[in-house]
Protein backbone atom coordinates (compact mmCIF):
# COMPACT_ATOMS: atom_id res chain seq x y z
CA UNK A 1 -49.09 -49.50 -1.52
CA UNK A 2 -47.49 -52.91 -1.06
CA UNK A 3 -44.83 -53.99 -3.33
CA UNK A 4 -44.46 -50.25 -4.01
CA UNK A 5 -40.91 -48.02 -3.43
CA UNK A 6 -40.61 -45.08 -2.90
CA UNK A 7 -36.91 -43.64 -4.13
CA UNK A 8 -35.58 -40.61 -2.75
CA UNK A 9 -33.40 -38.43 -4.72
CA UNK A 10 -30.83 -37.50 -2.59
CA UNK A 11 -29.43 -33.89 -3.43
CA UNK A 12 -25.87 -33.54 -4.50
CA UNK A 13 -24.05 -31.50 -1.95
CA UNK A 14 -22.57 -28.09 -2.90
CA UNK A 15 -18.92 -27.35 -2.60
CA UNK A 16 -19.81 -25.46 0.29
CA UNK A 17 -20.86 -28.18 1.89
CA UNK A 18 -18.25 -30.84 0.85
CA UNK A 19 -15.27 -28.73 1.64
CA UNK A 20 -15.14 -29.52 6.00
CA UNK A 21 -11.50 -29.58 7.24
CA UNK A 22 -11.55 -31.16 10.72
CA UNK A 23 -14.70 -31.77 11.79
CA UNK A 24 -16.44 -28.21 11.15
CA UNK A 25 -17.82 -26.19 8.08
CA UNK A 26 -16.51 -23.19 6.88
CA UNK A 27 -18.33 -19.58 5.77
CA UNK A 28 -17.96 -18.94 2.13
CA UNK A 29 -15.43 -16.39 2.43
CA UNK A 30 -13.34 -18.55 4.45
CA UNK A 31 -13.50 -20.90 2.12
CA UNK A 32 -12.45 -18.58 -0.15
CA UNK A 33 -9.34 -17.56 1.42
CA UNK A 34 -8.43 -21.60 2.30
CA UNK A 35 -8.74 -21.89 -1.63
CA UNK A 36 -6.82 -19.11 -1.91
CA UNK A 37 -3.74 -20.42 -0.34
CA UNK A 38 -3.78 -23.54 -1.20
CA UNK A 39 -3.46 -22.45 -5.04
CA UNK A 40 0.82 -21.80 -6.27
CA UNK A 41 0.19 -18.66 -7.02
CA UNK A 42 -2.18 -17.77 -4.12
CA UNK A 43 0.73 -19.17 -2.38
CA UNK A 44 2.95 -17.18 -3.95
CA UNK A 45 1.85 -14.00 -3.62
CA UNK A 46 1.38 -14.10 0.55
CA UNK A 47 5.28 -15.30 0.78
CA UNK A 48 6.00 -11.83 -1.15
CA UNK A 49 4.29 -9.66 1.11
CA UNK A 50 4.78 -11.19 3.79
CA UNK A 51 8.79 -10.95 3.12
CA UNK A 52 7.68 -7.43 2.72
CA UNK A 53 6.07 -7.11 5.43
CA UNK A 54 8.53 -8.74 7.46
CA UNK A 55 11.67 -6.53 6.18
CA UNK A 56 9.37 -3.65 6.62
CA UNK A 57 8.52 -4.10 10.05
CA UNK A 58 12.20 -5.20 11.21
CA UNK A 59 13.66 -2.66 9.39
CA UNK A 60 15.47 -0.80 12.44
CA UNK A 61 16.61 -3.96 13.34
CA UNK A 62 18.13 -5.53 9.78
CA UNK A 63 19.10 -2.03 8.70
CA UNK A 64 22.90 -1.46 8.59
CA UNK A 65 22.96 2.11 7.94
CA UNK A 66 20.66 4.82 8.71
CA UNK A 67 18.33 5.91 5.50
CA UNK A 68 19.47 9.47 6.20
CA UNK A 69 22.46 9.24 7.11
CA UNK A 70 25.65 10.63 4.73
CA UNK A 71 28.56 9.03 4.49
CA UNK A 72 31.00 11.23 3.01
CA UNK A 73 33.51 9.67 0.93
CA UNK A 74 31.27 6.95 -0.36
CA UNK A 75 28.86 8.46 -2.68
CA UNK A 76 27.29 5.83 -5.46
CA UNK A 77 29.23 3.23 -3.97
CA UNK A 78 28.51 -0.41 -6.28
CA UNK A 79 27.08 -2.84 -4.15
CA UNK A 80 29.27 -4.90 -1.79
CA UNK A 81 30.58 -4.73 1.98
CA UNK A 82 29.39 -2.77 3.89
CA UNK A 83 26.79 -1.66 1.38
CA UNK A 84 25.27 -4.61 -0.38
CA UNK A 85 22.84 -2.45 -2.30
CA UNK A 86 25.38 0.57 -2.74
CA UNK A 87 24.79 3.88 -1.82
CA UNK A 88 22.76 6.98 -3.79
CA UNK A 89 24.53 10.13 -4.26
CA UNK A 90 25.18 11.29 -0.94
CA UNK A 91 27.08 7.91 0.30
CA UNK A 92 23.02 7.04 1.78
CA UNK A 93 22.97 3.10 2.12
CA UNK A 94 20.56 1.72 -0.25
CA UNK A 95 19.76 -1.17 1.33
CA UNK A 96 18.26 0.59 4.23
CA UNK A 97 16.46 3.24 2.64
CA UNK A 98 15.05 0.34 0.62
CA UNK A 99 13.78 -1.39 3.85
CA UNK A 100 12.17 1.97 5.31
CA UNK A 101 10.51 2.92 1.89
CA UNK A 102 8.67 -0.50 2.13
CA UNK A 103 7.43 1.05 5.34
CA UNK A 104 5.63 3.76 3.58
CA UNK A 105 4.47 2.60 0.63
CA UNK A 106 2.63 -0.16 2.44
CA UNK A 107 1.89 2.24 4.97
CA UNK A 108 0.10 4.41 2.49
CA UNK A 109 -1.54 1.10 0.60
CA UNK A 110 -2.76 0.35 3.76
CA UNK A 111 -3.95 3.40 5.08
CA UNK A 112 -5.67 4.39 1.42
CA UNK A 113 -7.12 1.26 1.07
CA UNK A 114 -8.66 1.22 4.43
CA UNK A 115 -10.11 4.67 4.29
CA UNK A 116 -11.22 4.30 0.89
CA UNK A 117 -13.29 1.35 1.67
CA UNK A 118 -14.34 2.26 4.99
CA UNK A 119 -16.09 4.86 2.93
CA UNK A 120 -17.05 3.77 -0.01
CA UNK A 121 -18.35 0.03 1.26
CA UNK A 122 -21.17 1.49 4.01
CA UNK A 123 -22.12 3.97 1.38
CA UNK A 124 -22.33 1.53 -1.43
CA UNK A 125 -24.59 -0.54 0.58
CA UNK A 126 -26.80 2.22 1.46
CA UNK A 127 -26.81 3.12 -1.68
CA UNK A 128 -28.22 -0.33 -3.27
CA UNK A 129 -30.49 -1.32 -0.39
CA UNK A 130 -32.46 1.13 0.08
CA UNK A 131 -32.52 3.03 -3.52
CA UNK A 132 -34.40 6.29 -4.55
CA UNK A 133 -32.86 9.87 -3.94
CA UNK A 134 -30.42 8.11 -1.35
CA UNK A 135 -28.72 6.41 -4.07
CA UNK A 136 -28.94 9.40 -6.63
CA UNK A 137 -27.28 11.31 -4.26
CA UNK A 138 -24.67 9.00 -3.22
CA UNK A 139 -23.53 7.98 -6.73
CA UNK A 140 -23.73 11.61 -8.39
CA UNK A 141 -21.39 12.13 -5.28
CA UNK A 142 -19.45 9.57 -6.49
CA UNK A 143 -19.60 10.40 -10.40
CA UNK A 144 -17.82 13.59 -9.54
CA UNK A 145 -14.82 12.09 -8.32
CA UNK A 146 -14.46 9.75 -11.22
CA UNK A 147 -14.70 12.65 -13.88
CA UNK A 148 -11.16 12.82 -13.13
CA UNK A 149 -8.30 10.33 -13.44
CA UNK A 150 -6.73 8.90 -10.70
CA UNK A 151 -3.38 10.86 -10.41
CA UNK A 152 -5.08 14.49 -11.71
CA UNK A 153 -6.95 13.69 -8.59
CA UNK A 154 -4.40 13.15 -6.15
CA UNK A 155 -2.25 15.56 -7.57
CA UNK A 156 -5.06 17.88 -6.66
CA UNK A 157 -5.98 16.90 -3.28
CA UNK A 158 -1.86 17.25 -2.28
CA UNK A 159 -1.87 20.82 -3.72
CA UNK A 160 -4.61 21.51 -1.08
CA UNK A 161 -3.61 19.74 1.70
CA UNK A 162 0.31 20.12 0.85
CA UNK A 163 2.72 17.35 0.15
CA UNK A 164 3.93 14.14 2.48
CA UNK A 165 3.25 10.87 2.87
CA UNK A 166 0.05 11.66 5.23
CA UNK A 167 -1.67 13.61 2.87
CA UNK A 168 -0.53 11.80 -0.25
CA UNK A 169 -2.17 8.31 1.71
CA UNK A 170 -5.51 10.50 1.94
CA UNK A 171 -5.88 11.58 -1.61
CA UNK A 172 -5.39 8.31 -2.86
CA UNK A 173 -8.07 7.00 -1.03
CA UNK A 174 -10.14 10.21 -2.20
CA UNK A 175 -9.40 8.46 -5.52
CA UNK A 176 -10.52 5.07 -4.50
CA UNK A 177 -13.65 5.67 -2.58
CA UNK A 178 -16.36 5.86 -5.68
CA UNK A 179 -14.79 2.17 -6.92
CA UNK A 180 -15.74 0.21 -3.79
CA UNK A 181 -19.13 2.03 -3.54
CA UNK A 182 -20.29 1.52 -7.28
CA UNK A 183 -18.71 -1.93 -6.57
CA UNK A 184 -20.74 -2.61 -3.28
CA UNK A 185 -23.46 -1.46 -4.56
CA UNK A 186 -24.00 -3.48 -7.69
CA UNK A 187 -23.19 -6.49 -5.55
CA UNK A 188 -26.43 -5.08 -2.79
CA UNK A 189 -28.34 -4.69 -6.10
CA UNK A 190 -28.29 -8.55 -6.88
CA UNK A 191 -27.75 -9.80 -3.21
CA UNK A 192 -31.09 -7.96 -2.22
CA UNK A 193 -33.35 -10.04 -4.64
CA UNK A 194 -32.23 -13.67 -3.02
CA UNK A 195 -34.71 -15.29 -2.47
CA UNK A 196 -33.17 -15.37 1.79
CA UNK A 197 -33.54 -11.88 1.88
CA UNK A 198 -37.53 -12.04 0.57
CA UNK A 199 -37.63 -14.86 3.73
CA UNK A 200 -36.11 -12.50 6.36
CA UNK A 201 -38.48 -9.50 5.61
CA UNK A 202 -41.37 -12.48 5.72
CA UNK A 203 -40.31 -13.37 9.43
CA UNK A 204 -39.85 -9.26 9.74
CA UNK A 205 -36.30 -9.04 10.08
CA UNK A 206 -35.85 -5.17 10.11
CA UNK A 207 -33.81 -3.58 6.99
CA UNK A 208 -30.97 -3.07 9.16
CA UNK A 209 -30.41 -6.15 10.29
CA UNK A 210 -30.70 -7.59 6.48
CA UNK A 211 -28.52 -5.08 5.33
CA UNK A 212 -26.17 -5.58 8.02
CA UNK A 213 -26.34 -9.64 8.90
CA UNK A 214 -27.29 -10.95 5.65
CA UNK A 215 -26.81 -8.97 2.45
CA UNK A 216 -23.23 -7.03 3.77
CA UNK A 217 -21.36 -10.69 4.33
CA UNK A 218 -22.65 -12.35 0.86
CA UNK A 219 -21.36 -9.22 -1.33
CA UNK A 220 -18.01 -8.92 0.27
CA UNK A 221 -16.40 -11.55 -2.39
CA UNK A 222 -16.14 -9.16 -5.10
CA UNK A 223 -14.63 -6.22 -2.79
CA UNK A 224 -11.78 -8.38 -1.28
CA UNK A 225 -10.31 -8.81 -4.81
CA UNK A 226 -11.05 -5.03 -5.53
CA UNK A 227 -9.10 -4.11 -1.80
CA UNK A 228 -6.23 -5.90 -3.42
CA UNK A 229 -5.97 -4.24 -6.72
CA UNK A 230 -6.81 -0.96 -4.86
CA UNK A 231 -3.61 -1.70 -2.65
CA UNK A 232 -1.47 -1.97 -5.85
CA UNK A 233 -2.59 1.11 -7.73
CA UNK A 234 -2.20 2.70 -4.46
CA UNK A 235 1.14 1.78 -3.78
CA UNK A 236 2.05 2.62 -7.74
CA UNK A 237 0.34 5.98 -7.44
CA UNK A 238 2.37 7.13 -4.55
CA UNK A 239 5.47 6.24 -6.16
CA UNK A 240 4.13 8.07 -8.90
CA UNK A 241 3.20 11.13 -6.61
CA UNK A 242 6.75 10.68 -5.15
CA UNK A 243 8.31 10.72 -8.42
CA UNK A 244 7.09 14.08 -9.39
CA UNK A 245 7.98 15.35 -6.31
CA UNK A 246 4.82 15.79 -4.28
CA UNK A 247 4.46 12.24 -2.25
CA UNK A 248 7.11 11.40 0.17
CA UNK A 249 9.44 14.45 1.34
CA UNK A 250 13.55 13.94 1.44
CA UNK A 251 14.97 13.05 3.48
CA UNK A 252 12.11 10.08 4.09
CA UNK A 253 12.93 7.33 1.72
CA UNK A 254 10.47 6.58 -1.03
CA UNK A 255 10.88 3.93 -3.59
CA UNK A 256 9.42 6.12 -6.38
CA UNK A 257 11.43 9.57 -5.01
CA UNK A 258 14.83 7.03 -4.98
CA UNK A 259 13.66 6.40 -8.79
CA UNK A 260 13.27 9.75 -9.23
CA UNK A 261 16.84 10.70 -8.22
CA UNK A 262 18.51 8.19 -9.80
CA UNK A 263 17.35 9.35 -12.94
CA UNK A 264 20.87 11.67 -13.46
CA UNK A 265 22.92 8.55 -12.27
CA UNK A 266 21.58 5.65 -14.27
CA UNK A 267 24.67 5.41 -16.58
CA UNK A 268 27.26 5.67 -13.94
CA UNK A 269 25.55 4.23 -11.45
CA UNK A 270 23.03 1.48 -12.73
CA UNK A 271 22.38 0.15 -9.08
CA UNK A 272 20.74 3.07 -8.44
CA UNK A 273 17.60 2.80 -9.83
CA UNK A 274 16.97 -0.77 -10.31
CA UNK A 275 16.87 -1.63 -6.64
CA UNK A 276 13.86 0.45 -5.90
CA UNK A 277 12.56 -0.35 -9.03
CA UNK A 278 12.55 -4.18 -8.45
CA UNK A 279 11.41 -3.79 -4.84
CA UNK A 280 8.18 -2.04 -6.47
CA UNK A 281 8.31 -4.57 -9.24
CA UNK A 282 7.90 -7.54 -6.64
CA UNK A 283 5.04 -5.80 -4.20
CA UNK A 284 2.95 -5.20 -7.33
CA UNK A 285 3.54 -8.94 -8.02
CA UNK A 286 2.58 -10.37 -5.25
CA UNK A 287 -0.51 -8.26 -5.36
CA UNK A 288 -1.41 -9.41 -8.60
CA UNK A 289 -0.93 -13.06 -7.89
CA UNK A 290 -2.90 -12.93 -4.53
CA UNK A 291 -5.38 -11.20 -6.49
CA UNK A 292 -5.98 -13.48 -9.40
CA UNK A 293 -5.83 -16.54 -6.65
CA UNK A 294 -8.53 -14.60 -4.64
CA UNK A 295 -10.96 -14.07 -7.90
CA UNK A 296 -10.35 -17.71 -8.60
CA UNK A 297 -11.28 -18.68 -5.48
CA UNK A 298 -14.48 -17.01 -5.19
CA UNK A 299 -15.85 -18.05 -9.06
CA UNK A 300 -18.44 -20.34 -8.15
CA UNK A 301 -17.37 -22.29 -11.90
CA UNK A 302 -13.86 -22.83 -10.48
CA UNK A 303 -15.32 -24.12 -7.48
CA UNK A 304 -17.33 -26.63 -9.54
CA UNK A 305 -14.81 -27.46 -11.50
CA UNK A 306 -12.68 -28.60 -8.34
CA UNK A 307 -14.80 -30.39 -6.85
CA UNK A 308 -15.90 -32.45 -9.90
CA UNK A 309 -12.58 -32.98 -11.10
């Protein structure tokens, strides 16, 4: 009608629409990772992890001595030159052993989390999407593993497979499978009822396409947080298994085995146990900082707070 004005209310943009860098929009996961690295906690966690990873990769170039060579006459030498962190009861350089021990700890954590997530995420996706008897069978199978504490399950698996870093990684992978599977299943149960899934079904999309192209990417946020948590747990559990003598075997260096071997000498050589303990603490601190920052970045309430403040 003449004189009538039509006012169209514009919808306020969502955080995902506002956060655009360089003229291109990022996906939700990419935005979360970008926000994680912009926070002081996330940047510090990444810096600590990067430092340890770089030290582990360059260990053959940085280490002044072989981690297994025994230098007679230099047993329990205090920190100084040429042994920056001192030596152990066999005259082995602690700085070199800690560098090579970082390789084992990081490798065990990556392998354990990689295998656990590689089995747990697909099984949780299948169980959550299809449900029914398939869901019941998969979840009851993982419930059997959840019935045992992680350390006891690790000891049982290593008892069967034998001691060693590789077997310790496999044991930790078996322990982490139910956690990834149950978390993924819970996320899928929420996402499969969303409107975009119903719209995809109405358009004739196959179940495989809906599960892999739509539900899986939107369910990975909490799983990414669980990956960092599980890696810290795996590193700590590997140190515990090595401390008990069933993880990494001598003469290979391991932070857990170094802590075990330092116990009789703590009064005489306190540095022997301090350095591997500090290395383990730095790794776990970096993982915890990165986990907290990633969790906050994936929280929608935190995203809205950053948008409007």
